[in-house]
Amino acid sequence: MRQASPSDWIRRMAIVLAAFCLPYAALSVPAQKSQKPLQEIRYTLREYNGELALFREDEPVPCALYDVPVDLLPEVDRVQLRSGISVSGDDELRRMLEDYTS
């Protein structure tokens, strides 16, 4: 049996954190009359202090942080995350997070 490497451990922890944090990220903003339905909310995944972070719409502060060091990701992913990756809707967000954390 192979011993898990540090990057395997990090990825597993990120998946667990995402599973627990994602539902609460949507609840962290108080409801407003002008708030879009959840399926229309646009997110941006990008690097924040060297880690994967989720930003809602044009918010300057992340609504969720993931324990995924960006410098451990492939170069093409690092470049995309530096400029930000737009994600629309919860389903696409879950798929993207799974891609980066597995």
Foldseek 3Di string as FASTA:
>chain_A
DDDDDPLNVLLVQQVVCCVVQVVVLVVPDDDDPPDDPQQFWKWKWADDPQFTFICTDPDPDGSDTGSQGLVVDDPVSNVDRHVIDMDGGDVRVVVVSNVRRD
